[in-house]
PDB file of N, CA and C in Angstrom:
ATOM      1  N   UNK A   1     105.508 107.238  65.097  1.00  0.00           N
ATOM      2  CA  UNK A   1     104.477 107.280  66.110  1.00  0.00           C
ATOM      3  C   UNK A   1     104.502 108.668  66.750  1.00  0.00           C
ATOM      4  N   UNK A   2     103.351 109.301  66.786  1.00  0.00           N
ATOM      5  CA  UNK A   2     103.268 110.627  67.380  1.00  0.00           C
ATOM      6  C   UNK A   2     103.217 110.521  68.900  1.00  0.00           C
ATOM      7  N   UNK A   3     103.364 111.655  69.534  1.00  0.00           N
ATOM      8  CA  UNK A   3     103.318 111.683  70.997  1.00  0.00           C
ATOM      9  C   UNK A   3     101.949 111.257  71.511  1.00  0.00           C
ATOM     10  N   UNK A   4     100.911 111.667  70.840  1.00  0.00           N
ATOM     11  CA  UNK A   4      99.553 111.301  71.247  1.00  0.00           C
ATOM     12  C   UNK A   4      99.327 109.796  71.108  1.00  0.00           C
ATOM     13  N   UNK A   5      99.789 109.218  70.039  1.00  0.00           N
ATOM     14  CA  UNK A   5      99.649 107.769  69.855  1.00  0.00           C
ATOM     15  C   UNK A   5     100.430 106.999  70.921  1.00  0.00           C
ATOM     16  N   UNK A   6     101.627 107.458  71.223  1.00  0.00           N
ATOM     17  CA  UNK A   6     102.430 106.800  72.250  1.00  0.00           C
ATOM     18  C   UNK A   6     101.756 106.910  73.615  1.00  0.00           C
ATOM     19  N   UNK A   7     101.200 108.061  73.914  1.00  0.00           N
ATOM     20  CA  UNK A   7     100.504 108.258  75.190  1.00  0.00           C
ATOM     21  C   UNK A   7      99.270 107.375  75.281  1.00  0.00           C
ATOM     22  N   UNK A   8      98.530 107.257  74.205  1.00  0.00           N
ATOM     23  CA  UNK A   8      97.347 106.393  74.201  1.00  0.00           C
ATOM     24  C   UNK A   8      97.728 104.916  74.342  1.00  0.00           C
ATOM     25  N   UNK A   9      98.784 104.494  73.655  1.00  0.00           N
ATOM     26  CA  UNK A   9      99.236 103.105  73.767  1.00  0.00           C
ATOM     27  C   UNK A   9      99.706 102.804  75.184  1.00  0.00           C
ATOM     28  N   UNK A  10     100.460 103.728  75.769  1.00  0.00           N
ATOM     29  CA  UNK A  10     100.915 103.543  77.143  1.00  0.00           C
ATOM     30  C   UNK A  10      99.740 103.497  78.107  1.00  0.00           C
ATOM     31  N   UNK A  11      98.782 104.387  77.933  1.00  0.00           N
ATOM     32  CA  UNK A  11      97.612 104.422  78.818  1.00  0.00           C
ATOM     33  C   UNK A  11      96.816 103.119  78.729  1.00  0.00           C
ATOM     34  N   UNK A  12      96.676 102.581  77.541  1.00  0.00           N
ATOM     35  CA  UNK A  12      95.960 101.327  77.366  1.00  0.00           C
ATOM     36  C   UNK A  12      96.697 100.177  78.056  1.00  0.00           C
ATOM     37  N   UNK A  13      97.996 100.092  77.846  1.00  0.00           N
ATOM     38  CA  UNK A  13      98.788  99.027  78.473  1.00  0.00           C
ATOM     39  C   UNK A  13      98.781  99.166  79.992  1.00  0.00           C
ATOM     40  N   UNK A  14      98.950 100.372  80.498  1.00  0.00           N
ATOM     41  CA  UNK A  14      98.953 100.597  81.944  1.00  0.00           C
ATOM     42  C   UNK A  14      97.585 100.284  82.540  1.00  0.00           C
ATOM     43  N   UNK A  15      96.527 100.630  81.846  1.00  0.00           N
ATOM     44  CA  UNK A  15      95.181 100.336  82.333  1.00  0.00           C
ATOM     45  C   UNK A  15      94.906  98.844  82.410  1.00  0.00           C
ATOM     46  N   UNK A  16      95.324  98.110  81.386  1.00  0.00           N
ATOM     47  CA  UNK A  16      95.133  96.660  81.401  1.00  0.00           C
ATOM     48  C   UNK A  16      95.935  95.992  82.514  1.00  0.00           C
ATOM     49  N   UNK A  17      97.161  96.447  82.712  1.00  0.00           N
ATOM     50  CA  UNK A  17      97.973  95.872  83.781  1.00  0.00           C
ATOM     51  C   UNK A  17      97.427  96.229  85.160  1.00  0.00           C
ATOM     52  N   UNK A  18      96.783  97.374  85.273  1.00  0.00           N
ATOM     53  CA  UNK A  18      96.229  97.792  86.554  1.00  0.00           C
ATOM     54  C   UNK A  18      95.020  96.954  86.947  1.00  0.00           C
ATOM     55  N   UNK A  19      94.156  96.625  86.004  1.00  0.00           N
ATOM     56  CA  UNK A  19      92.934  95.901  86.352  1.00  0.00           C
ATOM     57  C   UNK A  19      93.105  94.387  86.335  1.00  0.00           C
ATOM     58  N   UNK A  20      94.263  93.904  85.879  1.00  0.00           N
ATOM     59  CA  UNK A  20      94.509  92.465  85.860  1.00  0.00           C
ATOM     60  C   UNK A  20      94.788  91.974  87.277  1.00  0.00           C
ATOM     61  N   UNK A  21      94.059  90.955  87.740  1.00  0.00           N
ATOM     62  CA  UNK A  21      94.320  90.452  89.087  1.00  0.00           C
ATOM     63  C   UNK A  21      95.721  89.860  89.183  1.00  0.00           C
ATOM     64  N   UNK A  22      96.333  90.024  90.332  1.00  0.00           N
ATOM     65  CA  UNK A  22      97.692  89.548  90.518  1.00  0.00           C
ATOM     66  C   UNK A  22      97.788  88.504  91.608  1.00  0.00           C
ATOM     67  N   UNK A  23      98.996  88.328  92.113  1.00  0.00           N
ATOM     68  CA  UNK A  23      99.248  87.329  93.136  1.00  0.00           C
ATOM     69  C   UNK A  23      98.542  87.646  94.441  1.00  0.00           C
ATOM     70  N   UNK A  24      98.402  88.932  94.759  1.00  0.00           N
ATOM     71  CA  UNK A  24      97.713  89.273  95.995  1.00  0.00           C
ATOM     72  C   UNK A  24      96.243  88.868  95.953  1.00  0.00           C
ATOM     73  N   UNK A  25      95.613  88.996  94.802  1.00  0.00           N
ATOM     74  CA  UNK A  25      94.224  88.566  94.654  1.00  0.00           C
ATOM     75  C   UNK A  25      94.111  87.049  94.804  1.00  0.00           C
ATOM     76  N   UNK A  26      95.057  86.332  94.222  1.00  0.00           N
ATOM     77  CA  UNK A  26      95.064  84.874  94.356  1.00  0.00           C
ATOM     78  C   UNK A  26      95.258  84.467  95.810  1.00  0.00           C
ATOM     79  N   UNK A  27      96.114  85.175  96.531  1.00  0.00           N
ATOM     80  CA  UNK A  27      96.340  84.869  97.942  1.00  0.00           C
ATOM     81  C   UNK A  27      95.077  85.079  98.762  1.00  0.00           C
ATOM     82  N   UNK A  28      94.386  86.173  98.534  1.00  0.00           N
ATOM     83  CA  UNK A  28      93.158  86.451  99.284  1.00  0.00           C
ATOM     84  C   UNK A  28      92.084  85.421  98.946  1.00  0.00           C
ATOM     85  N   UNK A  29      91.935  85.059  97.670  1.00  0.00           N
ATOM     86  CA  UNK A  29      90.940  84.058  97.285  1.00  0.00           C
ATOM     87  C   UNK A  29      91.252  82.689  97.869  1.00  0.00           C
ATOM     88  N   UNK A  30      92.531  82.308  97.854  1.00  0.00           N
ATOM     89  CA  UNK A  30      92.923  81.019  98.433  1.00  0.00           C
ATOM     90  C   UNK A  30      92.674  81.008  99.942  1.00  0.00           C
ATOM     91  N   UNK A  31      93.017  82.102 100.605  1.00  0.00           N
ATOM     92  CA  UNK A  31      92.810  82.192 102.039  1.00  0.00           C
ATOM     93  C   UNK A  31      91.328  82.153 102.375  1.00  0.00           C
ATOM     94  N   UNK A  32      90.510  82.808 101.579  1.00  0.00           N
ATOM     95  CA  UNK A  32      89.065  82.792 101.814  1.00  0.00           C
ATOM     96  C   UNK A  32      88.498  81.394 101.630  1.00  0.00           C
ATOM     97  N   UNK A  33      88.999  80.666 100.644  1.00  0.00           N
ATOM     98  CA  UNK A  33      88.479  79.329 100.365  1.00  0.00           C
ATOM     99  C   UNK A  33      88.917  78.310 101.409  1.00  0.00           C
ATOM    100  N   UNK A  34      90.119  78.466 101.932  1.00  0.00           N
ATOM    101  CA  UNK A  34      90.635  77.449 102.843  1.00  0.00           C
ATOM    102  C   UNK A  34      90.483  77.806 104.309  1.00  0.00           C
ATOM    103  N   UNK A  35      90.565  79.104 104.648  1.00  0.00           N
ATOM    104  CA  UNK A  35      90.579  79.489 106.055  1.00  0.00           C
ATOM    105  C   UNK A  35      89.416  80.369 106.478  1.00  0.00           C
ATOM    106  N   UNK A  36      88.606  80.823 105.545  1.00  0.00           N
ATOM    107  CA  UNK A  36      87.427  81.603 105.895  1.00  0.00           C
ATOM    108  C   UNK A  36      87.596  83.092 105.639  1.00  0.00           C
ATOM    109  N   UNK A  37      86.484  83.802 105.718  1.00  0.00           N
ATOM    110  CA  UNK A  37      86.496  85.220 105.366  1.00  0.00           C
ATOM    111  C   UNK A  37      87.260  86.096 106.361  1.00  0.00           C
ATOM    112  N   UNK A  38      87.290  85.702 107.615  1.00  0.00           N
ATOM    113  CA  UNK A  38      87.995  86.512 108.614  1.00  0.00           C
ATOM    114  C   UNK A  38      89.507  86.559 108.315  1.00  0.00           C
ATOM    115  N   UNK A  39      90.079  85.405 108.011  1.00  0.00           N
ATOM    116  CA  UNK A  39      91.506  85.338 107.661  1.00  0.00           C
ATOM    117  C   UNK A  39      91.766  86.009 106.318  1.00  0.00           C
ATOM    118  N   UNK A  40      90.827  85.899 105.373  1.00  0.00           N
ATOM    119  CA  UNK A  40      90.992  86.542 104.068  1.00  0.00           C
ATOM    120  C   UNK A  40      91.008  88.061 104.229  1.00  0.00           C
ATOM    121  N   UNK A  41      90.169  88.572 105.118  1.00  0.00           N
ATOM    122  CA  UNK A  41      90.170  90.013 105.382  1.00  0.00           C
ATOM    123  C   UNK A  41      91.503  90.443 105.976  1.00  0.00           C
ATOM    124  N   UNK A  42      92.044  89.626 106.891  1.00  0.00           N
ATOM    125  CA  UNK A  42      93.338  89.940 107.482  1.00  0.00           C
ATOM    126  C   UNK A  42      94.437  89.925 106.416  1.00  0.00           C
ATOM    127  N   UNK A  43      94.376  88.972 105.494  1.00  0.00           N
ATOM    128  CA  UNK A  43      95.355  88.919 104.412  1.00  0.00           C
ATOM    129  C   UNK A  43      95.243  90.156 103.519  1.00  0.00           C
ATOM    130  N   UNK A  44      94.032  90.540 103.184  1.00  0.00           N
ATOM    131  CA  UNK A  44      93.831  91.722 102.346  1.00  0.00           C
ATOM    132  C   UNK A  44      94.297  92.983 103.058  1.00  0.00           C
ATOM    133  N   UNK A  45      94.034  93.065 104.344  1.00  0.00           N
ATOM    134  CA  UNK A  45      94.479  94.221 105.120  1.00  0.00           C
ATOM    135  C   UNK A  45      96.004  94.281 105.169  1.00  0.00           C
ATOM    136  N   UNK A  46      96.641  93.141 105.358  1.00  0.00           N
ATOM    137  CA  UNK A  46      98.097  93.099 105.359  1.00  0.00           C
ATOM    138  C   UNK A  46      98.691  93.507 104.023  1.00  0.00           C
ATOM    139  N   UNK A  47      98.072  93.071 102.948  1.00  0.00           N
ATOM    140  CA  UNK A  47      98.538  93.453 101.611  1.00  0.00           C
ATOM    141  C   UNK A  47      98.390  94.956 101.411  1.00  0.00           C
ATOM    142  N   UNK A  48      97.264  95.492 101.835  1.00  0.00           N
ATOM    143  CA  UNK A  48      97.033  96.934 101.699  1.00  0.00           C
ATOM    144  C   UNK A  48      98.026  97.759 102.510  1.00  0.00           C
ATOM    145  N   UNK A  49      98.287  97.326 103.746  1.00  0.00           N
ATOM    146  CA  UNK A  49      99.249  98.047 104.580  1.00  0.00           C
ATOM    147  C   UNK A  49     100.651  97.936 103.992  1.00  0.00           C
ATOM    148  N   UNK A  50     100.994  96.758 103.473  1.00  0.00           N
ATOM    149  CA  UNK A  50     102.302  96.586 102.842  1.00  0.00           C
ATOM    150  C   UNK A  50     102.477  97.502 101.641  1.00  0.00           C
ATOM    151  N   UNK A  51     101.453  97.626 100.826  1.00  0.00           N
ATOM    152  CA  UNK A  51     101.519  98.528  99.665  1.00  0.00           C
ATOM    153  C   UNK A  51     101.645  99.981 100.109  1.00  0.00           C
ATOM    154  N   UNK A  52     100.947 100.339 101.172  1.00  0.00           N
ATOM    155  CA  UNK A  52     101.028 101.704 101.693  1.00  0.00           C
ATOM    156  C   UNK A  52     102.429 102.005 102.207  1.00  0.00           C
ATOM    157  N   UNK A  53     103.012 101.072 102.952  1.00  0.00           N
ATOM    158  CA  UNK A  53     104.369 101.256 103.471  1.00  0.00           C
ATOM    159  C   UNK A  53     105.368 101.373 102.325  1.00  0.00           C
ATOM    160  N   UNK A  54     105.239 100.511 101.318  1.00  0.00           N
ATOM    161  CA  UNK A  54     106.144 100.571 100.174  1.00  0.00           C
ATOM    162  C   UNK A  54     105.984 101.893  99.429  1.00  0.00           C
ATOM    163  N   UNK A  55     104.756 102.366  99.283  1.00  0.00           N
ATOM    164  CA  UNK A  55     104.523 103.654  98.617  1.00  0.00           C
ATOM    165  C   UNK A  55     105.145 104.814  99.365  1.00  0.00           C
ATOM    166  N   UNK A  56     105.023 104.805 100.686  1.00  0.00           N
ATOM    167  CA  UNK A  56     105.639 105.862 101.488  1.00  0.00           C
ATOM    168  C   UNK A  56     107.159 105.790 101.391  1.00  0.00           C
ATOM    169  N   UNK A  57     107.699 104.567 101.437  1.00  0.00           N
ATOM    170  CA  UNK A  57     109.149 104.408 101.320  1.00  0.00           C
ATOM    171  C   UNK A  57     109.643 104.885  99.961  1.00  0.00           C
ATOM    172  N   UNK A  58     108.914 104.562  98.917  1.00  0.00           N
ATOM    173  CA  UNK A  58     109.310 104.996  97.574  1.00  0.00           C
ATOM    174  C   UNK A  58     109.202 106.519  97.448  1.00  0.00           C
ATOM    175  N   UNK A  59     108.176 107.089  98.068  1.00  0.00           N
ATOM    176  CA  UNK A  59     108.025 108.535  98.015  1.00  0.00           C
ATOM    177  C   UNK A  59     109.150 109.242  98.766  1.00  0.00           C
ATOM    178  N   UNK A  60     109.666 108.603  99.786  1.00  0.00           N
ATOM    179  CA  UNK A  60     110.772 109.184 100.565  1.00  0.00           C
ATOM    180  C   UNK A  60     112.141 108.886  99.957  1.00  0.00           C
ATOM    181  N   UNK A  61     112.175 108.123  98.890  1.00  0.00           N
ATOM    182  CA  UNK A  61     113.431 107.821  98.227  1.00  0.00           C
ATOM    183  C   UNK A  61     114.085 106.531  98.677  1.00  0.00           C
ATOM    184  N   UNK A  62     113.467 105.822  99.631  1.00  0.00           N
ATOM    185  CA  UNK A  62     114.057 104.584 100.126  1.00  0.00           C
ATOM    186  C   UNK A  62     113.777 103.415  99.188  1.00  0.00           C
ATOM    187  N   UNK A  63     112.863 103.568  98.251  1.00  0.00           N
ATOM    188  CA  UNK A  63     112.556 102.496  97.317  1.00  0.00           C
ATOM    189  C   UNK A  63     113.761 102.094  96.498  1.00  0.00           C
ATOM    190  N   UNK A  64     114.516 103.054  96.010  1.00  0.00           N
ATOM    191  CA  UNK A  64     115.723 102.750  95.226  1.00  0.00           C
ATOM    192  C   UNK A  64     116.783 102.105  96.096  1.00  0.00           C
ATOM    193  N   UNK A  65     116.865 102.516  97.330  1.00  0.00           N
ATOM    194  CA  UNK A  65     117.849 101.933  98.240  1.00  0.00           C
ATOM    195  C   UNK A  65     117.525 100.488  98.556  1.00  0.00           C
ATOM    196  N   UNK A  66     116.232 100.169  98.791  1.00  0.00           N
ATOM    197  CA  UNK A  66     115.828  98.810  99.112  1.00  0.00           C
ATOM    198  C   UNK A  66     115.898  97.899  97.899  1.00  0.00           C
ATOM    199  N   UNK A  67     115.687  98.434  96.732  1.00  0.00           N
ATOM    200  CA  UNK A  67     115.732  97.633  95.520  1.00  0.00           C
ATOM    201  C   UNK A  67     117.161  97.292  95.197  1.00  0.00           C
TER     202      UNK A  67
END
């Protein structure tokens, strides 16, 4: 396998995993169905802030420490 083929295979796999809905999407959909759009927005906002905090922590090197 050449470097270009490996890069293309990795890009395809990473792209598919990126666009696949995950648990956070299921949580927001469940919250919207059971508690309404206002609570679903709050859940989505919390998920977004959590991802931002984790990204900053990982960028600062604390991700390896917490893991």
